[in-house]
Amino acid sequence: MAHNIFKGLGIALITPFTSDGSIDYDALKRIIAYQLDNGADFLCILATTGETPCLTKNEKAAIKELVVDEVAGKIPILMGCGGNNTQAVVEEIQETDWKGISGVLSVCPYYNKPSQEGLYRHFKAIAKASPLPVVLYNVPGRTGINLKAGTTVRLAEDCENIIAIKEAGGSLEQVDEIIKNKPDRFDVISGDDALTFPMIASGAAGVISVIGNALPKEFSRMIRLEFNGEYEAARKIHHRFTELYSLLFVDGNPAGVKALLHEMGMIENELRLPLVPTRITTMQKMADILKELRI
């Protein structure tokens, strides 16, 4: 029976680009080293924050290989593999080289809006095909569909290699319902930086974080304090981040966190269309907050 190993601070890893639009592999190595040195518990690659829809098949394979080599087994790696054509996802899972990867993150089908029964069967087919544990990913703001608590719990009970859900539905009520009814071996992971503090207080096992790309040490400290029951100290860190949470996403993700990493001198501020860099005004506000956070 598979258990969840993706606990604590997970990083939704960005894909850095050079000014000519190609992948900046040197910057990617820097970011991975920075994560390993600053308290990241696992990495989540080739998902939303990595701008995966705009990467070619060869680029995805190259990123996967580089991350596996650089991490060298120090922490687990969760890799995105999902879509809205169940058969195509199943085939991709069967054809992918999973060497060095510890789990599959699979997003709810987007655009075609399946019913709860359709979602259940989609993920059941993925779980059956996957040689690795599966983490569900619910993000209604991007997919147009909400994986309801009852469906999540049903999948957790019926598929022993579905070990967790990255829950980014924005509803603490839904999180509570899953945590109350789930099997012990199944975990809820926050998919929303701003809700991580209350979600962990409710029993979530960790976060797959965007802000962690830039500030892993501070964010992992908040999580560790909470795990130790030191809520007052954790809440102070959470409140220091409050304004940054909204600024990070106001111009879309990963535009905000890329601007922040650029400000820190770690990457060039480049995205692939249709995404564009964050506005100058947002960038200036983030730079000011960054100065305060570092004092």
C-alpha atoms as a PDB file:
ATOM      1  CA  MET A   1       0.000   0.000   0.000  1.00  0.00           C
ATOM      2  CA  ALA A   2       1.622   3.262  -1.154  1.00  0.00           C
ATOM      3  CA  HIS A   3       1.981   6.152   1.291  1.00  0.00           C
ATOM      4  CA  ASN A   4       2.611   9.823   0.545  1.00  0.00           C
ATOM      5  CA  ILE A   5       6.270  10.884   0.651  1.00  0.00           C
ATOM      6  CA  PHE A   6       5.606  14.421  -0.627  1.00  0.00           C
ATOM      7  CA  LYS A   7       5.478  16.336   2.654  1.00  0.00           C
ATOM      8  CA  GLY A   8       6.643  19.757   3.845  1.00  0.00           C
ATOM      9  CA  LEU A   9       7.881  22.307   1.308  1.00  0.00           C
ATOM     10  CA  GLY A  10       7.561  21.267  -2.320  1.00  0.00           C
ATOM     11  CA  ILE A  11       8.726  23.669  -5.026  1.00  0.00           C
ATOM     12  CA  ALA A  12       6.686  24.170  -8.216  1.00  0.00           C
ATOM     13  CA  LEU A  13       9.859  24.624 -10.235  1.00  0.00           C
ATOM     14  CA  ILE A  14      10.003  27.382 -12.865  1.00  0.00           C
ATOM     15  CA  THR A  15      11.674  26.985 -16.269  1.00  0.00           C
ATOM     16  CA  PRO A  16      14.168  29.833 -16.781  1.00  0.00           C
ATOM     17  CA  PHE A  17      14.696  31.151 -20.326  1.00  0.00           C
ATOM     18  CA  THR A  18      17.476  33.227 -21.898  1.00  0.00           C
ATOM     19  CA  SER A  19      16.745  36.475 -23.755  1.00  0.00           C
ATOM     20  CA  ASP A  20      16.598  34.547 -27.058  1.00  0.00           C
ATOM     21  CA  GLY A  21      13.805  32.345 -25.658  1.00  0.00           C
ATOM     22  CA  SER A  22      15.757  29.097 -25.205  1.00  0.00           C
ATOM     23  CA  ILE A  23      15.938  27.228 -21.885  1.00  0.00           C
ATOM     24  CA  ASP A  24      18.595  28.599 -19.544  1.00  0.00           C
ATOM     25  CA  TYR A  25      20.035  25.344 -18.204  1.00  0.00           C
ATOM     26  CA  ASP A  26      22.735  27.100 -16.143  1.00  0.00           C
ATOM     27  CA  ALA A  27      20.099  29.160 -14.326  1.00  0.00           C
ATOM     28  CA  LEU A  28      18.048  25.990 -13.748  1.00  0.00           C
ATOM     29  CA  LYS A  29      21.070  24.339 -12.106  1.00  0.00           C
ATOM     30  CA  ARG A  30      21.510  27.411  -9.878  1.00  0.00           C
ATOM     31  CA  ILE A  31      17.881  27.312  -8.779  1.00  0.00           C
ATOM     32  CA  ILE A  32      18.026  23.592  -7.969  1.00  0.00           C
ATOM     33  CA  ALA A  33      21.213  24.073  -5.900  1.00  0.00           C
ATOM     34  CA  TYR A  34      19.550  27.012  -4.127  1.00  0.00           C
ATOM     35  CA  GLN A  35      16.535  24.814  -3.280  1.00  0.00           C
ATOM     36  CA  LEU A  36      18.674  21.951  -1.974  1.00  0.00           C
ATOM     37  CA  ASP A  37      20.635  24.386   0.225  1.00  0.00           C
ATOM     38  CA  ASN A  38      17.584  26.168   1.626  1.00  0.00           C
ATOM     39  CA  GLY A  39      15.174  23.571   2.952  1.00  0.00           C
ATOM     40  CA  ALA A  40      13.085  22.302   0.015  1.00  0.00           C
ATOM     41  CA  ASP A  41      11.668  18.847   0.866  1.00  0.00           C
ATOM     42  CA  PHE A  42      10.762  17.887  -2.708  1.00  0.00           C
ATOM     43  CA  LEU A  43      10.585  19.359  -6.220  1.00  0.00           C
ATOM     44  CA  CYS A  44       7.567  19.401  -8.526  1.00  0.00           C
ATOM     45  CA  ILE A  45       8.639  19.666 -12.169  1.00  0.00           C
ATOM     46  CA  LEU A  46       6.935  20.141 -15.538  1.00  0.00           C
ATOM     47  CA  ALA A  47       3.673  21.490 -14.145  1.00  0.00           C
ATOM     48  CA  THR A  48       1.873  24.881 -14.335  1.00  0.00           C
ATOM     49  CA  THR A  49       4.677  27.058 -12.938  1.00  0.00           C
ATOM     50  CA  GLY A  50       7.188  25.408 -15.282  1.00  0.00           C
ATOM     51  CA  GLU A  51       5.278  26.791 -18.325  1.00  0.00           C
ATOM     52  CA  THR A  52       4.933  23.183 -19.516  1.00  0.00           C
ATOM     53  CA  PRO A  53       2.301  23.888 -22.233  1.00  0.00           C
ATOM     54  CA  CYS A  54       4.982  25.933 -24.042  1.00  0.00           C
ATOM     55  CA  LEU A  55       7.761  23.331 -23.885  1.00  0.00           C
ATOM     56  CA  THR A  56       8.549  20.799 -26.610  1.00  0.00           C
ATOM     57  CA  LYS A  57       8.755  17.057 -25.939  1.00  0.00           C
ATOM     58  CA  ASN A  58      12.574  17.197 -26.233  1.00  0.00           C
ATOM     59  CA  GLU A  59      12.814  20.176 -23.859  1.00  0.00           C
ATOM     60  CA  LYS A  60      10.691  18.371 -21.261  1.00  0.00           C
ATOM     61  CA  ALA A  61      12.943  15.305 -21.492  1.00  0.00           C
ATOM     62  CA  ALA A  62      16.066  17.497 -21.144  1.00  0.00           C
ATOM     63  CA  ILE A  63      14.660  19.322 -18.078  1.00  0.00           C
ATOM     64  CA  LYS A  64      13.691  16.028 -16.438  1.00  0.00           C
ATOM     65  CA  GLU A  65      17.169  14.584 -17.014  1.00  0.00           C
ATOM     66  CA  LEU A  66      18.936  17.694 -15.698  1.00  0.00           C
ATOM     67  CA  VAL A  67      16.775  17.883 -12.550  1.00  0.00           C
ATOM     68  CA  VAL A  68      17.268  14.170 -11.792  1.00  0.00           C
ATOM     69  CA  ASP A  69      21.065  14.537 -12.235  1.00  0.00           C
ATOM     70  CA  GLU A  70      21.320  17.688 -10.100  1.00  0.00           C
ATOM     71  CA  VAL A  71      19.077  16.405  -7.284  1.00  0.00           C
ATOM     72  CA  ALA A  72      21.000  13.094  -7.260  1.00  0.00           C
ATOM     73  CA  GLY A  73      18.457  11.359  -5.030  1.00  0.00           C
ATOM     74  CA  LYS A  74      18.713  13.927  -2.192  1.00  0.00           C
ATOM     75  CA  ILE A  75      14.962  14.727  -2.223  1.00  0.00           C
ATOM     76  CA  PRO A  76      11.953  13.228  -4.053  1.00  0.00           C
ATOM     77  CA  ILE A  77      10.838  14.584  -7.435  1.00  0.00           C
ATOM     78  CA  LEU A  78       7.177  14.787  -8.473  1.00  0.00           C
ATOM     79  CA  MET A  79       6.632  15.154 -12.235  1.00  0.00           C
ATOM     80  CA  GLY A  80       3.585  16.516 -14.039  1.00  0.00           C
ATOM     81  CA  CYS A  81       1.763  14.314 -16.541  1.00  0.00           C
ATOM     82  CA  GLY A  82      -1.859  15.132 -17.257  1.00  0.00           C
ATOM     83  CA  GLY A  83      -4.329  16.314 -19.852  1.00  0.00           C
ATOM     84  CA  ASN A  84      -7.914  16.227 -21.063  1.00  0.00           C
ATOM     85  CA  ASN A  85      -7.626  13.140 -23.289  1.00  0.00           C
ATOM     86  CA  THR A  86      -7.499  10.152 -20.908  1.00  0.00           C
ATOM     87  CA  GLN A  87      -6.118   7.692 -23.457  1.00  0.00           C
ATOM     88  CA  ALA A  88      -3.333  10.095 -24.479  1.00  0.00           C
ATOM     89  CA  VAL A  89      -2.309  10.601 -20.816  1.00  0.00           C
ATOM     90  CA  VAL A  90      -2.280   6.827 -20.240  1.00  0.00           C
ATOM     91  CA  GLU A  91      -0.056   6.358 -23.306  1.00  0.00           C
ATOM     92  CA  GLU A  92       2.272   9.156 -22.215  1.00  0.00           C
ATOM     93  CA  ILE A  93       2.635   7.537 -18.786  1.00  0.00           C
ATOM     94  CA  GLN A  94       3.443   4.190 -20.396  1.00  0.00           C
ATOM     95  CA  GLU A  95       6.017   5.708 -22.772  1.00  0.00           C
ATOM     96  CA  THR A  96       7.774   8.047 -20.314  1.00  0.00           C
ATOM     97  CA  ASP A  97      11.112   7.212 -18.698  1.00  0.00           C
ATOM     98  CA  TRP A  98      10.367   7.591 -14.969  1.00  0.00           C
ATOM     99  CA  LYS A  99      13.923   6.868 -13.784  1.00  0.00           C
ATOM    100  CA  GLY A 100      14.781   9.152 -10.857  1.00  0.00           C
ATOM    101  CA  ILE A 101      11.156  10.320 -10.399  1.00  0.00           C
ATOM    102  CA  SER A 102       9.157   9.419  -7.270  1.00  0.00           C
ATOM    103  CA  GLY A 103       5.589  10.326  -8.277  1.00  0.00           C
ATOM    104  CA  VAL A 104       3.205  11.603 -10.963  1.00  0.00           C
ATOM    105  CA  LEU A 105       1.217  14.831 -10.567  1.00  0.00           C
ATOM    106  CA  SER A 106      -1.883  14.726 -12.756  1.00  0.00           C
ATOM    107  CA  VAL A 107      -4.132  17.736 -13.275  1.00  0.00           C
ATOM    108  CA  CYS A 108      -7.924  17.568 -13.665  1.00  0.00           C
ATOM    109  CA  PRO A 109      -8.958  17.469 -17.337  1.00  0.00           C
ATOM    110  CA  TYR A 110      -9.444  21.048 -18.544  1.00  0.00           C
ATOM    111  CA  TYR A 111     -11.711  22.606 -21.181  1.00  0.00           C
ATOM    112  CA  ASN A 112     -14.004  19.615 -21.769  1.00  0.00           C
ATOM    113  CA  LYS A 113     -15.633  19.799 -18.287  1.00  0.00           C
ATOM    114  CA  PRO A 114     -16.298  16.153 -17.337  1.00  0.00           C
ATOM    115  CA  SER A 115     -18.798  15.106 -14.655  1.00  0.00           C
ATOM    116  CA  GLN A 116     -17.600  13.794 -11.262  1.00  0.00           C
ATOM    117  CA  GLU A 117     -18.015  10.250 -12.612  1.00  0.00           C
ATOM    118  CA  GLY A 118     -15.898  11.212 -15.649  1.00  0.00           C
ATOM    119  CA  LEU A 119     -13.197  12.624 -13.352  1.00  0.00           C
ATOM    120  CA  TYR A 120     -13.295   9.469 -11.232  1.00  0.00           C
ATOM    121  CA  ARG A 121     -12.836   7.182 -14.264  1.00  0.00           C
ATOM    122  CA  HIS A 122     -10.137   9.433 -15.766  1.00  0.00           C
ATOM    123  CA  PHE A 123      -7.976   9.275 -12.641  1.00  0.00           C
ATOM    124  CA  LYS A 124      -8.699   5.593 -12.087  1.00  0.00           C
ATOM    125  CA  ALA A 125      -7.335   4.870 -15.592  1.00  0.00           C
ATOM    126  CA  ILE A 126      -4.236   6.989 -14.863  1.00  0.00           C
ATOM    127  CA  ALA A 127      -3.641   5.249 -11.519  1.00  0.00           C
ATOM    128  CA  LYS A 128      -3.928   1.863 -13.197  1.00  0.00           C
ATOM    129  CA  ALA A 129      -1.389   2.823 -15.889  1.00  0.00           C
ATOM    130  CA  SER A 130       1.109   4.533 -13.580  1.00  0.00           C
ATOM    131  CA  PRO A 131       4.157   2.641 -12.306  1.00  0.00           C
ATOM    132  CA  LEU A 132       4.542   5.357  -9.640  1.00  0.00           C
ATOM    133  CA  PRO A 133       2.330   6.844  -6.913  1.00  0.00           C
ATOM    134  CA  VAL A 134      -0.118   9.468  -8.229  1.00  0.00           C
ATOM    135  CA  VAL A 135      -0.909  12.906  -6.782  1.00  0.00           C
ATOM    136  CA  LEU A 136      -4.185  14.409  -8.033  1.00  0.00           C
ATOM    137  CA  TYR A 137      -4.192  18.128  -8.875  1.00  0.00           C
ATOM    138  CA  ASN A 138      -7.393  20.121  -8.420  1.00  0.00           C
ATOM    139  CA  VAL A 139      -7.211  23.701  -9.723  1.00  0.00           C
ATOM    140  CA  PRO A 140     -10.706  24.830 -10.855  1.00  0.00           C
ATOM    141  CA  GLY A 141      -9.478  28.350 -11.697  1.00  0.00           C
ATOM    142  CA  ARG A 142      -7.437  26.844 -14.539  1.00  0.00           C
ATOM    143  CA  THR A 143      -9.459  23.778 -15.527  1.00  0.00           C
ATOM    144  CA  GLY A 144     -13.048  25.028 -15.270  1.00  0.00           C
ATOM    145  CA  ILE A 145     -13.990  21.986 -13.164  1.00  0.00           C
ATOM    146  CA  ASN A 146     -13.845  21.212  -9.427  1.00  0.00           C
ATOM    147  CA  LEU A 147     -12.887  17.748  -8.224  1.00  0.00           C
ATOM    148  CA  LYS A 148     -15.309  17.483  -5.293  1.00  0.00           C
ATOM    149  CA  ALA A 149     -14.281  16.150  -1.886  1.00  0.00           C
ATOM    150  CA  GLY A 150     -16.455  13.047  -2.267  1.00  0.00           C
ATOM    151  CA  THR A 151     -14.789  12.134  -5.581  1.00  0.00           C
ATOM    152  CA  THR A 152     -11.310  12.710  -4.136  1.00  0.00           C
ATOM    153  CA  VAL A 153     -12.041  10.451  -1.161  1.00  0.00           C
ATOM    154  CA  ARG A 154     -13.567   7.799  -3.438  1.00  0.00           C
ATOM    155  CA  LEU A 155     -10.400   7.782  -5.578  1.00  0.00           C
ATOM    156  CA  ALA A 156      -8.190   7.615  -2.465  1.00  0.00           C
ATOM    157  CA  GLU A 157     -10.165   4.621  -1.177  1.00  0.00           C
ATOM    158  CA  ASP A 158     -10.391   2.746  -4.502  1.00  0.00           C
ATOM    159  CA  CYS A 159      -6.887   3.299  -5.943  1.00  0.00           C
ATOM    160  CA  GLU A 160      -4.081   2.360  -3.592  1.00  0.00           C
ATOM    161  CA  ASN A 161      -1.401   4.216  -5.571  1.00  0.00           C
ATOM    162  CA  ILE A 162      -3.295   7.559  -5.433  1.00  0.00           C
ATOM    163  CA  ILE A 163      -1.501   8.972  -2.396  1.00  0.00           C
ATOM    164  CA  ALA A 164      -2.371  12.676  -2.215  1.00  0.00           C
ATOM    165  CA  ILE A 165      -4.105  15.644  -3.788  1.00  0.00           C
ATOM    166  CA  LYS A 166      -2.620  19.047  -4.573  1.00  0.00           C
ATOM    167  CA  GLU A 167      -5.695  21.052  -3.638  1.00  0.00           C
ATOM    168  CA  ALA A 168      -5.909  24.542  -5.155  1.00  0.00           C
ATOM    169  CA  GLY A 169      -9.679  24.951  -5.142  1.00  0.00           C
ATOM    170  CA  GLY A 170      -9.520  27.888  -2.739  1.00  0.00           C
ATOM    171  CA  SER A 171     -12.072  26.307  -0.374  1.00  0.00           C
ATOM    172  CA  LEU A 172     -10.975  25.506   3.178  1.00  0.00           C
ATOM    173  CA  GLU A 173     -14.349  23.837   3.654  1.00  0.00           C
ATOM    174  CA  GLN A 174     -13.522  21.367   0.861  1.00  0.00           C
ATOM    175  CA  VAL A 175     -10.047  20.769   2.347  1.00  0.00           C
ATOM    176  CA  ASP A 176     -11.636  20.010   5.736  1.00  0.00           C
ATOM    177  CA  GLU A 177     -14.090  17.582   4.187  1.00  0.00           C
ATOM    178  CA  ILE A 178     -11.296  15.641   2.435  1.00  0.00           C
ATOM    179  CA  ILE A 179      -9.111  15.546   5.567  1.00  0.00           C
ATOM    180  CA  LYS A 180     -12.036  14.394   7.722  1.00  0.00           C
ATOM    181  CA  ASN A 181     -13.005  11.491   5.429  1.00  0.00           C
ATOM    182  CA  LYS A 182      -9.759  10.388   3.726  1.00  0.00           C
ATOM    183  CA  PRO A 183      -7.852   7.139   4.402  1.00  0.00           C
ATOM    184  CA  ASP A 184      -4.825   7.575   6.730  1.00  0.00           C
ATOM    185  CA  ARG A 185      -2.264   6.908   3.965  1.00  0.00           C
ATOM    186  CA  PHE A 186      -3.663   9.728   1.779  1.00  0.00           C
ATOM    187  CA  ASP A 187      -2.662  13.387   2.237  1.00  0.00           C
ATOM    188  CA  VAL A 188      -3.826  16.836   1.199  1.00  0.00           C
ATOM    189  CA  ILE A 189      -1.084  19.161  -0.109  1.00  0.00           C
ATOM    190  CA  SER A 190      -1.739  22.889  -0.459  1.00  0.00           C
ATOM    191  CA  GLY A 191      -1.624  24.183  -4.032  1.00  0.00           C
ATOM    192  CA  ASP A 192      -2.062  27.787  -2.968  1.00  0.00           C
ATOM    193  CA  ASP A 193       0.711  29.675  -1.135  1.00  0.00           C
ATOM    194  CA  ALA A 194      -1.707  32.107   0.497  1.00  0.00           C
ATOM    195  CA  LEU A 195      -3.803  29.296   2.036  1.00  0.00           C
ATOM    196  CA  THR A 196      -0.895  27.118   3.164  1.00  0.00           C
ATOM    197  CA  PHE A 197      -0.917  28.411   6.753  1.00  0.00           C
ATOM    198  CA  PRO A 198      -4.624  27.602   7.413  1.00  0.00           C
ATOM    199  CA  MET A 199      -4.458  24.362   5.386  1.00  0.00           C
ATOM    200  CA  ILE A 200      -1.560  22.975   7.429  1.00  0.00           C
ATOM    201  CA  ALA A 201      -3.370  24.055  10.601  1.00  0.00           C
ATOM    202  CA  SER A 202      -6.305  21.926   9.339  1.00  0.00           C
ATOM    203  CA  GLY A 203      -4.097  18.886   8.747  1.00  0.00           C
ATOM    204  CA  ALA A 204      -2.542  19.291   5.273  1.00  0.00           C
ATOM    205  CA  ALA A 205       0.852  17.595   4.837  1.00  0.00           C
ATOM    206  CA  GLY A 206       2.636  20.445   3.043  1.00  0.00           C
ATOM    207  CA  VAL A 207       2.571  22.687  -0.018  1.00  0.00           C
ATOM    208  CA  ILE A 208       3.637  22.733  -3.648  1.00  0.00           C
ATOM    209  CA  SER A 209       4.780  26.318  -3.632  1.00  0.00           C
ATOM    210  CA  VAL A 210       5.400  29.041  -6.207  1.00  0.00           C
ATOM    211  CA  ILE A 211       6.894  31.557  -3.747  1.00  0.00           C
ATOM    212  CA  GLY A 212       9.289  28.828  -2.593  1.00  0.00           C
ATOM    213  CA  ASN A 213      11.235  29.245  -5.859  1.00  0.00           C
ATOM    214  CA  ALA A 214      12.464  32.568  -4.500  1.00  0.00           C
ATOM    215  CA  LEU A 215      12.127  32.281  -0.702  1.00  0.00           C
ATOM    216  CA  PRO A 216      12.406  28.607   0.280  1.00  0.00           C
ATOM    217  CA  LYS A 217      14.170  29.166   3.598  1.00  0.00           C
ATOM    218  CA  GLU A 218      11.508  31.521   4.976  1.00  0.00           C
ATOM    219  CA  PHE A 219       8.550  29.520   3.664  1.00  0.00           C
ATOM    220  CA  SER A 220       9.872  26.173   4.903  1.00  0.00           C
ATOM    221  CA  ARG A 221      10.470  27.733   8.324  1.00  0.00           C
ATOM    222  CA  MET A 222       6.773  28.679   8.538  1.00  0.00           C
ATOM    223  CA  ILE A 223       5.771  25.102   7.690  1.00  0.00           C
ATOM    224  CA  ARG A 224       8.200  23.541  10.176  1.00  0.00           C
ATOM    225  CA  LEU A 225       7.000  25.826  12.963  1.00  0.00           C
ATOM    226  CA  GLU A 226       3.416  24.769  12.241  1.00  0.00           C
ATOM    227  CA  PHE A 227       4.321  21.085  12.225  1.00  0.00           C
ATOM    228  CA  ASN A 228       5.818  21.675  15.690  1.00  0.00           C
ATOM    229  CA  GLY A 229       2.625  23.357  16.898  1.00  0.00           C
ATOM    230  CA  GLU A 230       4.321  26.787  17.121  1.00  0.00           C
ATOM    231  CA  TYR A 231       1.419  28.584  15.431  1.00  0.00           C
ATOM    232  CA  GLU A 232       2.132  32.085  16.732  1.00  0.00           C
ATOM    233  CA  ALA A 233       5.643  32.194  15.248  1.00  0.00           C
ATOM    234  CA  ALA A 234       4.393  30.590  12.015  1.00  0.00           C
ATOM    235  CA  ARG A 235       1.543  33.098  11.738  1.00  0.00           C
ATOM    236  CA  LYS A 236       4.023  35.999  11.934  1.00  0.00           C
ATOM    237  CA  ILE A 237       5.878  34.642   8.881  1.00  0.00           C
ATOM    238  CA  HIS A 238       2.570  34.052   7.067  1.00  0.00           C
ATOM    239  CA  HIS A 239       1.532  37.679   7.683  1.00  0.00           C
ATOM    240  CA  ARG A 240       4.892  38.995   6.452  1.00  0.00           C
ATOM    241  CA  PHE A 241       4.154  37.243   3.159  1.00  0.00           C
ATOM    242  CA  THR A 242       0.528  38.373   2.785  1.00  0.00           C
ATOM    243  CA  GLU A 243       1.084  41.249   0.353  1.00  0.00           C
ATOM    244  CA  LEU A 244       3.636  39.271  -1.642  1.00  0.00           C
ATOM    245  CA  TYR A 245       1.147  36.415  -2.182  1.00  0.00           C
ATOM    246  CA  SER A 246      -1.236  38.661  -4.109  1.00  0.00           C
ATOM    247  CA  LEU A 247       1.501  40.517  -6.019  1.00  0.00           C
ATOM    248  CA  LEU A 248       2.964  37.220  -7.216  1.00  0.00           C
ATOM    249  CA  PHE A 249      -0.222  36.272  -9.046  1.00  0.00           C
ATOM    250  CA  VAL A 250      -1.708  39.626 -10.097  1.00  0.00           C
ATOM    251  CA  ASP A 251      -0.111  39.399 -13.572  1.00  0.00           C
ATOM    252  CA  GLY A 252      -0.371  35.624 -13.804  1.00  0.00           C
ATOM    253  CA  ASN A 253       1.885  32.748 -12.801  1.00  0.00           C
ATOM    254  CA  PRO A 254       4.889  32.375 -13.127  1.00  0.00           C
ATOM    255  CA  ALA A 255       5.313  36.040 -14.205  1.00  0.00           C
ATOM    256  CA  GLY A 256       5.406  37.226 -10.574  1.00  0.00           C
ATOM    257  CA  VAL A 257       7.908  34.740  -9.219  1.00  0.00           C
ATOM    258  CA  LYS A 258      10.133  35.127 -12.289  1.00  0.00           C
ATOM    259  CA  ALA A 259      10.242  38.892 -11.658  1.00  0.00           C
ATOM    260  CA  LEU A 260      11.173  38.162  -8.038  1.00  0.00           C
ATOM    261  CA  LEU A 261      13.957  35.745  -9.046  1.00  0.00           C
ATOM    262  CA  HIS A 262      15.199  38.285 -11.602  1.00  0.00           C
ATOM    263  CA  GLU A 263      15.278  40.935  -8.860  1.00  0.00           C
ATOM    264  CA  MET A 264      17.403  38.489  -6.811  1.00  0.00           C
ATOM    265  CA  GLY A 265      19.828  38.137  -9.742  1.00  0.00           C
ATOM    266  CA  MET A 266      19.071  34.459 -10.358  1.00  0.00           C
ATOM    267  CA  ILE A 267      17.397  34.436 -13.792  1.00  0.00           C
ATOM    268  CA  GLU A 268      16.526  36.629 -16.771  1.00  0.00           C
ATOM    269  CA  ASN A 269      12.959  37.928 -16.681  1.00  0.00           C
ATOM    270  CA  GLU A 270      11.778  35.945 -19.707  1.00  0.00           C
ATOM    271  CA  LEU A 271       8.556  33.996 -20.331  1.00  0.00           C
ATOM    272  CA  ARG A 272       7.176  32.290 -23.417  1.00  0.00           C
ATOM    273  CA  LEU A 273       4.095  33.653 -25.133  1.00  0.00           C
ATOM    274  CA  PRO A 274       1.198  33.779 -24.470  1.00  0.00           C
ATOM    275  CA  LEU A 275       2.657  34.689 -21.042  1.00  0.00           C
ATOM    276  CA  VAL A 276       4.434  38.034 -20.620  1.00  0.00           C
ATOM    277  CA  PRO A 277       6.541  39.542 -17.815  1.00  0.00           C
ATOM    278  CA  THR A 278       4.874  41.230 -14.868  1.00  0.00           C
ATOM    279  CA  ARG A 279       4.209  44.994 -15.003  1.00  0.00           C
ATOM    280  CA  ILE A 280       6.891  47.427 -13.798  1.00  0.00           C
ATOM    281  CA  THR A 281       4.620  48.734 -10.996  1.00  0.00           C
ATOM    282  CA  THR A 282       4.100  45.206  -9.625  1.00  0.00           C
ATOM    283  CA  MET A 283       7.818  44.522  -9.906  1.00  0.00           C
ATOM    284  CA  GLN A 284       8.680  47.672  -7.949  1.00  0.00           C
ATOM    285  CA  LYS A 285       6.288  46.751  -5.111  1.00  0.00           C
ATOM    286  CA  MET A 286       7.800  43.265  -4.938  1.00  0.00           C
ATOM    287  CA  ALA A 287      11.331  44.678  -4.845  1.00  0.00           C
ATOM    288  CA  ASP A 288      10.357  46.870  -1.873  1.00  0.00           C
ATOM    289  CA  ILE A 289       8.837  43.897   0.012  1.00  0.00           C
ATOM    290  CA  LEU A 290      11.896  41.786  -0.754  1.00  0.00           C
ATOM    291  CA  LYS A 291      14.124  44.439   0.844  1.00  0.00           C
ATOM    292  CA  GLU A 292      11.934  44.412   3.978  1.00  0.00           C
ATOM    293  CA  LEU A 293      11.895  40.600   4.166  1.00  0.00           C
ATOM    294  CA  ARG A 294      15.685  40.515   4.026  1.00  0.00           C
ATOM    295  CA  ILE A 295      16.185  43.061   6.819  1.00  0.00           C
END
